[in-house]
Amino acid sequence: MTRPHVVKDQDIYRMWYSKKKGKNYSIVYAEALDGINWERLDSTMSLKTSLNGWDSEMIAYPFVFHHSVSRYMLYNGNSYGKTGFGIAVLDTEKF
């Protein structure tokens, strides 16, 4: 597991972090009401690796932030971001 990124939304803590899967990483998600007792909700994280390209083997090191009315996630691709990083718009209905 890598360094998690936690955001507090009113009465819930949300955490995105990288989990090793074979030799690569994927991004997973968890929630907690108190910031201590976390429930893993990996299946709710819909950002997956691409079929080909710079993030086809792994996605890792999420950083979540708000801008205007949207929530975004920066993340690294293959080889721990060797060729750069990506940005995804998170569904604020879900997160």
C-alpha atoms as a PDB file:
ATOM      1  CA  MET A   1       0.000   0.000   0.000  1.00  0.00           C
ATOM      2  CA  THR A   2       1.168   3.549  -0.720  1.00  0.00           C
ATOM      3  CA  ARG A   3       0.463   6.850   1.003  1.00  0.00           C
ATOM      4  CA  PRO A   4      -3.317   7.362   1.111  1.00  0.00           C
ATOM      5  CA  HIS A   5      -5.111  10.555   0.170  1.00  0.00           C
ATOM      6  CA  VAL A   6      -7.994  11.407   2.527  1.00  0.00           C
ATOM      7  CA  VAL A   7     -10.784  13.960   2.033  1.00  0.00           C
ATOM      8  CA  LYS A   8     -13.421  14.807   4.659  1.00  0.00           C
ATOM      9  CA  ASP A   9     -16.902  15.486   3.257  1.00  0.00           C
ATOM     10  CA  GLN A  10     -19.292  16.778   5.933  1.00  0.00           C
ATOM     11  CA  ASP A  11     -19.779  13.589   7.995  1.00  0.00           C
ATOM     12  CA  ILE A  12     -17.675  11.044   6.081  1.00  0.00           C
ATOM     13  CA  TYR A  13     -13.991  10.503   5.427  1.00  0.00           C
ATOM     14  CA  ARG A  14     -13.034   9.258   1.953  1.00  0.00           C
ATOM     15  CA  MET A  15      -9.696   7.628   1.183  1.00  0.00           C
ATOM     16  CA  TRP A  16      -8.043   6.723  -2.122  1.00  0.00           C
ATOM     17  CA  TYR A  17      -4.813   4.742  -2.124  1.00  0.00           C
ATOM     18  CA  SER A  18      -2.736   2.377  -4.235  1.00  0.00           C
ATOM     19  CA  LYS A  19      -2.798  -1.373  -3.706  1.00  0.00           C
ATOM     20  CA  LYS A  20      -0.218  -3.729  -5.158  1.00  0.00           C
ATOM     21  CA  LYS A  21      -1.709  -6.209  -7.603  1.00  0.00           C
ATOM     22  CA  GLY A  22       0.968  -8.604  -8.858  1.00  0.00           C
ATOM     23  CA  LYS A  23       3.921  -6.415  -9.793  1.00  0.00           C
ATOM     24  CA  ASN A  24       1.783  -3.335 -10.480  1.00  0.00           C
ATOM     25  CA  TYR A  25      -0.607  -1.096  -8.564  1.00  0.00           C
ATOM     26  CA  SER A  26      -4.272  -0.173  -8.830  1.00  0.00           C
ATOM     27  CA  ILE A  27      -6.214   2.585  -7.053  1.00  0.00           C
ATOM     28  CA  VAL A  28      -8.767   1.521  -4.439  1.00  0.00           C
ATOM     29  CA  TYR A  29     -11.209   3.359  -2.190  1.00  0.00           C
ATOM     30  CA  ALA A  30     -12.447   3.265   1.430  1.00  0.00           C
ATOM     31  CA  GLU A  31     -14.771   5.260   3.704  1.00  0.00           C
ATOM     32  CA  ALA A  32     -14.997   5.924   7.455  1.00  0.00           C
ATOM     33  CA  LEU A  33     -17.411   7.858   9.635  1.00  0.00           C
ATOM     34  CA  ASP A  34     -14.762   8.515  12.292  1.00  0.00           C
ATOM     35  CA  GLY A  35     -11.531   8.520  10.242  1.00  0.00           C
ATOM     36  CA  ILE A  36     -10.331   5.434  12.138  1.00  0.00           C
ATOM     37  CA  ASN A  37     -12.553   2.446  11.266  1.00  0.00           C
ATOM     38  CA  TRP A  38     -12.355   2.147   7.490  1.00  0.00           C
ATOM     39  CA  GLU A  39     -14.603   0.111   5.194  1.00  0.00           C
ATOM     40  CA  ARG A  40     -12.972  -0.894   1.923  1.00  0.00           C
ATOM     41  CA  LEU A  41     -15.201  -0.239  -1.086  1.00  0.00           C
ATOM     42  CA  ASP A  42     -12.812  -1.249  -3.854  1.00  0.00           C
ATOM     43  CA  SER A  43     -15.604  -2.115  -6.280  1.00  0.00           C
ATOM     44  CA  THR A  44     -16.889   1.484  -6.261  1.00  0.00           C
ATOM     45  CA  MET A  45     -13.614   2.737  -7.778  1.00  0.00           C
ATOM     46  CA  SER A  46     -14.271   2.736 -11.506  1.00  0.00           C
ATOM     47  CA  LEU A  47     -10.908   4.159 -12.660  1.00  0.00           C
ATOM     48  CA  LYS A  48      -9.107   1.202 -14.214  1.00  0.00           C
ATOM     49  CA  THR A  49      -6.059   0.706 -16.397  1.00  0.00           C
ATOM     50  CA  SER A  50      -6.427   1.475 -20.111  1.00  0.00           C
ATOM     51  CA  LEU A  51      -6.361  -1.213 -22.792  1.00  0.00           C
ATOM     52  CA  ASN A  52      -3.091   0.250 -24.108  1.00  0.00           C
ATOM     53  CA  GLY A  53      -0.867   3.283 -23.623  1.00  0.00           C
ATOM     54  CA  TRP A  54       0.846   5.051 -20.741  1.00  0.00           C
ATOM     55  CA  ASP A  55      -1.533   3.721 -18.041  1.00  0.00           C
ATOM     56  CA  SER A  56      -2.255   0.230 -19.408  1.00  0.00           C
ATOM     57  CA  GLU A  57      -0.213  -1.656 -16.782  1.00  0.00           C
ATOM     58  CA  MET A  58      -0.846   0.313 -13.602  1.00  0.00           C
ATOM     59  CA  ILE A  59      -2.439   3.365 -12.025  1.00  0.00           C
ATOM     60  CA  ALA A  60      -1.071   4.613  -8.708  1.00  0.00           C
ATOM     61  CA  TYR A  61      -0.474   7.470  -6.261  1.00  0.00           C
ATOM     62  CA  PRO A  62      -3.860   9.220  -6.340  1.00  0.00           C
ATOM     63  CA  PHE A  63      -4.190  12.864  -5.311  1.00  0.00           C
ATOM     64  CA  VAL A  64      -7.765  14.149  -5.054  1.00  0.00           C
ATOM     65  CA  PHE A  65      -8.739  17.834  -5.110  1.00  0.00           C
ATOM     66  CA  HIS A  66     -11.665  20.160  -5.797  1.00  0.00           C
ATOM     67  CA  HIS A  67     -11.762  22.908  -8.373  1.00  0.00           C
ATOM     68  CA  SER A  68     -14.891  24.939  -8.978  1.00  0.00           C
ATOM     69  CA  VAL A  69     -17.761  22.427  -8.624  1.00  0.00           C
ATOM     70  CA  SER A  70     -15.839  19.296  -9.643  1.00  0.00           C
ATOM     71  CA  ARG A  71     -13.617  16.772  -7.884  1.00  0.00           C
ATOM     72  CA  TYR A  72     -10.503  15.602  -9.717  1.00  0.00           C
ATOM     73  CA  MET A  73      -7.885  12.922  -9.251  1.00  0.00           C
ATOM     74  CA  LEU A  74      -4.293  13.143 -10.435  1.00  0.00           C
ATOM     75  CA  TYR A  75      -2.600   9.755 -10.772  1.00  0.00           C
ATOM     76  CA  ASN A  76       0.533   8.093 -12.134  1.00  0.00           C
ATOM     77  CA  GLY A  77       0.587   5.482 -14.882  1.00  0.00           C
ATOM     78  CA  ASN A  78       2.986   2.701 -15.909  1.00  0.00           C
ATOM     79  CA  SER A  79       6.383   2.423 -14.214  1.00  0.00           C
ATOM     80  CA  TYR A  80       5.269   4.651 -11.315  1.00  0.00           C
ATOM     81  CA  GLY A  81       4.549   7.577 -13.645  1.00  0.00           C
ATOM     82  CA  LYS A  82       7.732   7.354 -15.700  1.00  0.00           C
ATOM     83  CA  THR A  83       5.981   8.849 -18.733  1.00  0.00           C
ATOM     84  CA  GLY A  84       3.757  11.254 -16.815  1.00  0.00           C
ATOM     85  CA  PHE A  85       0.501  11.488 -14.923  1.00  0.00           C
ATOM     86  CA  GLY A  86      -3.176  11.653 -15.748  1.00  0.00           C
ATOM     87  CA  ILE A  87      -6.200  13.494 -14.503  1.00  0.00           C
ATOM     88  CA  ALA A  88      -9.684  12.063 -14.018  1.00  0.00           C
ATOM     89  CA  VAL A  89     -12.949  13.790 -13.116  1.00  0.00           C
ATOM     90  CA  LEU A  90     -14.600  11.958 -10.240  1.00  0.00           C
ATOM     91  CA  ASP A  91     -18.364  11.489 -10.213  1.00  0.00           C
ATOM     92  CA  THR A  92     -19.432  13.727  -7.322  1.00  0.00           C
ATOM     93  CA  GLU A  93     -22.703  11.791  -7.029  1.00  0.00           C
ATOM     94  CA  LYS A  94     -20.589   8.791  -6.026  1.00  0.00           C
ATOM     95  CA  PHE A  95     -17.672  10.475  -4.242  1.00  0.00           C
END
